[in-house]
Protein backbone atom coordinates (compact mmCIF):
# COMPACT_ATOMS: atom_id res chain seq x y z
CA MET A 1 15.22 2.62 -29.77
CA LYS A 2 15.24 1.77 -26.09
CA LYS A 3 12.63 3.80 -24.03
CA TYR A 4 12.75 4.63 -20.79
CA SER A 5 10.37 5.40 -17.36
CA LEU A 6 11.36 7.18 -14.36
CA GLY A 7 9.47 5.85 -10.95
CA ILE A 8 9.72 8.27 -7.74
CA ASP A 9 7.70 7.22 -4.33
CA ILE A 10 8.02 10.42 -2.30
CA GLY A 11 8.11 8.76 1.44
CA GLY A 12 8.76 11.05 5.08
CA THR A 13 12.46 10.03 5.28
CA THR A 14 13.52 9.44 2.13
CA VAL A 15 12.68 9.35 -1.95
CA LYS A 16 13.03 6.42 -3.71
CA LEU A 17 13.70 6.59 -7.32
CA GLY A 18 13.93 4.30 -10.33
CA LEU A 19 15.38 4.04 -14.30
CA PHE A 20 12.98 1.51 -15.88
CA THR A 21 12.84 0.20 -19.22
CA VAL A 22 9.42 0.06 -20.16
CA GLU A 23 8.75 -3.58 -20.30
CA GLY A 24 9.64 -3.47 -16.63
CA GLU A 25 13.10 -4.03 -16.21
CA LEU A 26 14.79 -2.41 -13.14
CA LEU A 27 18.04 -0.43 -14.38
CA LYS A 28 18.99 1.60 -11.35
CA LYS A 29 17.55 2.64 -8.65
CA TRP A 30 18.56 5.48 -5.58
CA GLU A 31 17.58 7.32 -2.83
CA ILE A 32 17.73 11.27 -1.72
CA GLU A 33 16.95 12.24 1.55
CA THR A 34 13.63 14.40 1.37
CA ARG A 35 14.25 17.99 3.15
CA LYS A 36 11.15 18.73 4.22
CA VAL A 37 12.50 22.24 6.00
CA GLU A 38 10.24 25.18 4.76
CA ASN A 39 7.23 23.07 4.13
CA GLY A 40 9.38 20.61 1.71
CA ARG A 41 9.79 23.63 -0.92
CA TYR A 42 13.21 22.00 -1.77
CA ILE A 43 11.64 18.76 -2.36
CA LEU A 44 11.00 18.73 -6.12
CA GLY A 45 14.15 20.49 -7.21
CA ASP A 46 15.94 17.39 -5.77
CA ILE A 47 14.50 14.96 -7.13
CA THR A 48 14.61 17.20 -10.60
CA GLU A 49 18.65 17.46 -10.15
CA SER A 50 18.95 13.57 -8.91
CA ILE A 51 17.22 12.50 -12.37
CA ASN A 52 18.90 14.96 -14.61
CA ASP A 53 22.86 13.71 -13.40
CA VAL A 54 21.49 9.74 -13.18
CA LEU A 55 20.01 10.38 -16.80
CA GLU A 56 23.36 11.92 -18.02
CA LYS A 57 25.70 9.70 -15.74
CA GLU A 58 23.99 7.14 -17.94
CA ASN A 59 24.04 8.84 -21.39
CA ILE A 60 20.47 8.63 -21.60
CA ASN A 61 18.70 11.35 -23.90
CA LYS A 62 15.24 12.93 -22.18
CA GLY A 63 14.08 12.47 -25.48
CA LEU A 64 14.37 8.64 -25.01
CA VAL A 65 12.21 9.08 -21.66
CA LEU A 66 8.81 8.49 -21.74
CA GLY A 67 8.31 10.41 -18.09
CA ALA A 68 7.76 9.74 -14.28
CA GLY A 69 5.68 8.46 -12.31
CA VAL A 70 5.48 9.68 -8.62
CA GLY A 71 3.59 8.83 -5.29
CA VAL A 72 2.92 10.73 -2.78
CA PRO A 73 1.89 10.21 1.25
CA GLY A 74 -1.44 11.94 0.53
CA PRO A 75 -4.83 12.15 -1.24
CA VAL A 76 -4.44 12.74 -5.00
CA THR A 77 -6.75 14.00 -7.93
CA ASN A 78 -6.70 12.07 -11.40
CA ASP A 79 -5.05 15.71 -12.86
CA GLY A 80 -2.26 15.86 -10.50
CA TRP A 81 -3.50 18.19 -7.38
CA VAL A 82 -2.25 16.87 -4.08
CA GLN A 83 -4.81 17.67 -1.08
CA GLY A 84 -1.98 18.08 1.34
CA CYS A 85 0.64 16.12 2.32
CA VAL A 86 1.38 16.82 6.48
CA ASN A 87 4.38 14.35 6.74
CA LEU A 88 6.22 16.67 3.75
CA GLY A 89 4.89 20.33 4.85
CA TRP A 90 2.60 20.29 1.17
CA SER A 91 -0.34 22.13 1.35
CA VAL A 92 -2.86 21.94 -1.63
CA PHE A 93 -1.16 22.13 -4.94
CA ASN A 94 -0.59 20.29 -8.42
CA VAL A 95 2.66 18.48 -8.25
CA ALA A 96 2.27 17.25 -11.40
CA LYS A 97 2.26 20.17 -12.88
CA SER A 98 5.33 22.06 -10.85
CA LEU A 99 7.37 18.85 -11.38
CA GLU A 100 7.15 18.48 -14.98
CA ASP A 101 8.13 22.26 -15.35
CA ILE A 102 11.20 22.07 -13.88
CA LEU A 103 11.97 18.69 -15.05
CA GLU A 104 10.99 18.79 -18.37
CA LEU A 105 8.81 15.48 -18.78
CA PRO A 106 5.83 14.38 -18.61
CA VAL A 107 4.57 13.95 -14.74
CA LYS A 108 2.07 12.06 -13.38
CA VAL A 109 1.26 11.92 -9.50
CA ALA A 110 -0.77 9.63 -7.51
CA ASN A 111 -0.80 8.45 -3.98
CA ASP A 112 1.65 6.44 -2.81
CA ALA A 113 -0.61 3.08 -1.69
CA ASN A 114 -2.14 3.05 -5.18
CA ILE A 115 1.38 3.61 -6.57
CA ALA A 116 2.45 0.40 -5.07
CA ALA A 117 -0.71 -1.59 -6.23
CA LEU A 118 -0.45 -0.62 -9.17
CA GLY A 119 3.63 -1.60 -9.14
CA GLU A 120 2.37 -5.28 -7.89
CA MET A 121 0.09 -5.44 -11.05
CA PHE A 122 2.88 -4.32 -13.03
CA GLN A 123 5.48 -6.63 -11.84
CA GLY A 124 4.68 -8.05 -9.09
CA GLY A 125 2.53 -10.68 -6.93
CA GLY A 126 -0.52 -8.99 -9.32
CA LYS A 127 0.90 -9.27 -12.67
CA GLY A 128 -0.95 -10.54 -15.07
CA TYR A 129 -4.26 -9.16 -13.73
CA LYS A 130 -5.75 -6.28 -14.76
CA ASN A 131 -8.78 -6.02 -11.68
CA MET A 132 -6.94 -6.32 -8.50
CA ILE A 133 -6.82 -4.72 -4.55
CA MET A 134 -3.83 -3.98 -2.85
CA VAL A 135 -4.34 -4.30 0.76
CA THR A 136 -0.99 -3.37 2.96
CA LEU A 137 -1.23 -4.83 6.88
CA GLY A 138 1.37 -2.58 8.86
CA THR A 139 1.00 -0.25 11.33
CA GLY A 140 -2.36 0.75 9.65
CA VAL A 141 -3.81 -0.40 6.73
CA GLY A 142 -3.41 0.86 3.70
CA GLY A 143 -5.20 0.09 -0.23
CA GLY A 144 -5.44 0.31 -3.74
CA ILE A 145 -8.16 -0.64 -6.24
CA ILE A 146 -7.31 -0.87 -9.76
CA ILE A 147 -10.60 -1.55 -12.14
CA ASP A 148 -9.24 -2.59 -15.77
CA GLY A 149 -5.69 -1.35 -15.46
CA ASN A 150 -6.26 2.10 -13.90
CA ILE A 151 -5.77 3.14 -10.18
CA ILE A 152 -9.56 4.24 -9.00
CA ALA A 153 -8.31 7.44 -6.93
CA GLY A 154 -12.19 9.17 -6.55
CA SER A 155 -12.75 12.62 -6.89
CA ALA A 156 -10.76 13.85 -4.24
CA GLY A 157 -7.97 11.33 -4.21
CA ALA A 158 -8.96 8.87 -1.47
CA GLY A 159 -10.47 5.73 -3.50
CA GLY A 160 -8.33 3.11 -1.80
CA GLU A 161 -8.82 4.30 1.77
CA ILE A 162 -9.75 0.46 2.47
CA GLY A 163 -8.44 1.02 6.25
CA HIS A 164 -10.83 3.21 7.39
CA ILE A 165 -13.97 1.09 6.35
CA ARG A 166 -16.20 1.31 9.87
CA VAL A 167 -16.62 -2.54 11.43
CA ASN A 168 -17.42 -2.19 14.38
CA ASN A 169 -19.97 0.48 15.13
CA LYS A 170 -19.22 -0.62 19.38
CA GLU A 171 -15.78 0.48 19.69
CA LYS A 172 -14.87 2.65 22.23
CA GLU A 173 -11.15 3.76 21.08
CA SER A 174 -10.32 6.02 18.28
CA CYS A 175 -8.80 5.58 14.90
CA ASN A 176 -6.09 7.17 13.86
CA CYS A 177 -8.44 9.21 11.61
CA GLY A 178 -10.62 10.48 14.43
CA GLY A 179 -13.02 7.47 13.42
CA LYS A 180 -13.76 4.76 16.24
CA GLY A 181 -14.03 1.29 14.55
CA CYS A 182 -11.73 1.18 11.72
CA LEU A 183 -10.48 -2.21 10.10
CA GLU A 184 -7.59 -0.39 11.17
CA GLN A 185 -7.83 -0.99 14.34
CA TYR A 186 -8.12 -4.78 14.11
CA ALA A 187 -6.34 -5.77 10.80
CA SER A 188 -2.90 -3.97 10.81
CA ALA A 189 -0.20 -5.04 13.04
CA THR A 190 -1.21 -2.99 16.56
CA GLY A 191 -4.85 -4.58 15.60
CA ILE A 192 -4.21 -7.84 15.46
CA VAL A 193 -2.42 -7.38 19.11
CA LYS A 194 -5.29 -5.00 20.09
CA ILE A 195 -7.72 -8.04 19.81
CA ALA A 196 -4.84 -10.58 21.56
CA LYS A 197 -5.25 -8.33 24.59
CA GLU A 198 -8.74 -8.13 24.22
CA ILE A 199 -8.90 -12.13 24.21
CA LEU A 200 -6.25 -12.56 26.73
CA ASN A 201 -7.75 -10.04 29.64
CA ASP A 202 -11.45 -12.31 29.07
CA ARG A 203 -10.32 -15.52 29.77
CA ASP A 204 -7.40 -17.48 31.56
CA ASP A 205 -6.78 -20.46 28.91
CA GLU A 206 -2.69 -21.50 29.24
CA SER A 207 -1.16 -19.77 26.12
CA LYS A 208 2.82 -18.58 25.45
CA LEU A 209 1.48 -15.44 24.26
CA ARG A 210 1.30 -15.09 28.33
CA GLN A 211 5.02 -15.12 28.77
CA ILE A 212 5.56 -12.62 26.10
CA GLU A 213 6.09 -8.94 28.20
CA ILE A 214 5.53 -7.39 24.60
CA ILE A 215 3.48 -9.36 21.99
CA THR A 216 4.02 -8.67 18.16
CA ALA A 217 1.92 -10.15 15.63
CA LYS A 218 4.78 -12.23 13.96
CA ASP A 219 4.67 -14.10 17.94
CA ILE A 220 0.89 -14.29 17.52
CA PHE A 221 1.31 -16.31 13.71
CA ASP A 222 4.13 -17.91 14.85
CA LEU A 223 2.42 -19.32 17.92
CA ALA A 224 -1.01 -19.85 15.57
CA LYS A 225 1.64 -21.99 13.46
CA GLU A 226 2.60 -23.95 16.25
CA ASP A 227 -1.44 -25.01 17.49
CA ASP A 228 -1.20 -22.71 20.65
CA LYS A 229 -5.22 -22.21 21.03
CA VAL A 230 -5.26 -18.93 21.94
CA ALA A 231 -2.84 -17.85 19.61
CA LEU A 232 -5.21 -19.91 16.50
CA GLU A 233 -8.40 -17.47 17.89
CA ILE A 234 -6.57 -14.90 17.54
CA VAL A 235 -5.55 -15.19 13.62
CA ASP A 236 -9.48 -16.56 13.11
CA LYS A 237 -10.88 -13.26 14.78
CA PHE A 238 -8.90 -11.22 12.68
CA SER A 239 -9.15 -13.22 9.80
CA TYR A 240 -12.91 -12.97 9.88
CA ILE A 241 -12.98 -9.41 10.17
CA LEU A 242 -10.93 -8.68 7.66
CA GLY A 243 -11.91 -11.26 5.18
CA SER A 244 -15.49 -10.27 5.55
CA THR A 245 -14.45 -6.93 4.68
CA LEU A 246 -12.70 -7.34 1.40
CA ALA A 247 -15.56 -9.23 0.86
CA ASN A 248 -17.76 -6.41 1.18
CA ILE A 249 -15.40 -4.41 -1.12
CA ALA A 250 -15.70 -6.91 -3.99
CA CYS A 251 -19.18 -6.37 -4.61
CA ILE A 252 -18.23 -3.32 -5.19
CA SER A 253 -14.96 -3.61 -7.05
CA ASN A 254 -15.36 -7.30 -8.18
CA PRO A 255 -11.41 -7.86 -8.22
CA GLU A 256 -9.31 -10.92 -9.64
CA VAL A 257 -7.32 -11.05 -7.21
CA PHE A 258 -6.30 -9.79 -3.85
CA VAL A 259 -2.60 -8.79 -3.46
CA ILE A 260 -1.40 -8.79 0.20
CA GLY A 261 1.52 -6.70 1.74
CA GLY A 262 2.61 -4.84 4.52
CA GLY A 263 4.77 -6.72 7.86
CA VAL A 264 1.45 -8.60 8.49
CA SER A 265 2.16 -10.52 5.11
CA LYS A 266 5.24 -12.35 6.12
CA ALA A 267 2.51 -14.79 8.21
CA GLY A 268 2.54 -16.44 4.75
CA ASP A 269 -0.13 -18.97 3.68
CA MET A 270 -1.40 -18.95 6.98
CA LEU A 271 -2.74 -15.29 6.89
CA LEU A 272 -4.08 -15.95 2.94
CA ASP A 273 -5.26 -19.48 3.87
CA THR A 274 -7.56 -17.82 6.73
CA VAL A 275 -8.45 -14.78 5.58
CA LYS A 276 -9.43 -16.40 1.82
CA LYS A 277 -11.65 -18.98 3.91
CA TYR A 278 -13.97 -16.13 5.58
CA TYR A 279 -13.55 -13.71 2.16
CA LYS A 280 -15.36 -17.26 0.53
CA GLU A 281 -17.67 -17.47 3.21
CA THR A 282 -18.90 -14.28 4.09
CA GLY A 283 -19.21 -12.72 0.57
CA PHE A 284 -21.63 -13.15 -2.45
CA TYR A 285 -21.57 -15.50 -4.50
CA ALA A 286 -20.69 -14.23 -7.58
CA VAL A 287 -17.32 -12.66 -6.27
CA THR A 288 -15.97 -15.35 -4.62
CA ASP A 289 -13.37 -16.61 -6.65
CA ALA A 290 -10.85 -13.99 -6.44
CA GLU A 291 -7.33 -15.32 -5.52
CA PHE A 292 -5.07 -14.30 -3.20
CA LYS A 293 -1.38 -13.62 -3.55
CA LEU A 294 1.12 -12.01 -1.48
CA ALA A 295 3.20 -8.93 -2.54
CA ILE A 296 6.39 -9.58 -3.79
CA LEU A 297 7.79 -6.06 -4.61
CA GLY A 298 8.28 -5.01 -0.94
CA ASN A 299 9.70 -1.42 -0.52
CA ASP A 300 10.22 -0.95 -4.56
CA ALA A 301 6.39 -1.29 -5.25
CA GLY A 302 6.17 2.05 -5.24
CA ILE A 303 8.34 3.39 -8.12
CA TYR A 304 7.43 0.22 -10.32
CA GLY A 305 4.06 1.56 -9.70
CA GLY A 306 5.79 5.34 -10.89
CA ALA A 307 7.47 3.84 -13.85
CA LYS A 308 3.96 2.24 -14.45
CA LEU A 309 2.10 4.73 -14.39
CA VAL A 310 3.59 6.80 -17.66
CA GLN A 311 3.70 3.72 -19.40
């Protein structure tokens, strides 16, 4: 008989849910509101009610469901303990056990970035690989490390937080984490704009960027593709910082592939090519054969990863 699994991605505004076959076919996806009132005490109950309702409507017996995999926006240990989720109002508690008790299905929980990485390995840009690093370039820099098909969560669930690797000891501005000189301050969408402002302020070269009141990462890559000299320099500096940092990470994890996602990844081949160039130039020779791919699952990566987590 056909077997199923459930993927759940808990965000600060909505909870995304998906019903999958064990082969990875998405049969149904839906969303519910994330009720954060009273420190998020209703979230797991709402998820349970929603899943039970869908399974009943789809005429699927719970005995055919392998379990539910859950991504949460915070550090998670391998045994399901969440170390606090500020965005949800949660303190430290075992989400896996709590949801398992009311859902009456096996439950596994992981950090949302790690779950997204697993999803891309399952049915996305990393499909066919077992050793992968996911890099998400958005407002910040997220990451997920997968070795031999398994998420590397670490002792406190903070494994894969590559955005907070220190890359500049001379940085004076603080990162959102409280540190200074984190990768996130240079390789995120806001980071590349920071680089742009510094370069534009340091020289008087002509550039179409000077005609843009509020510069975005997209503006920079678009003009670089038009051979704008300053935009090319900004992309080059951004790519060196990111590529050389990934080369250092590779010395520890030795991935087969880097999968790049997030808003900045829409720059496409220009992003991949320039980052890969500096990765190869600065990396240890034994790890420089890694491939670079774009993420393809978008906002669905988390539910795909959740479904894979319980298989």
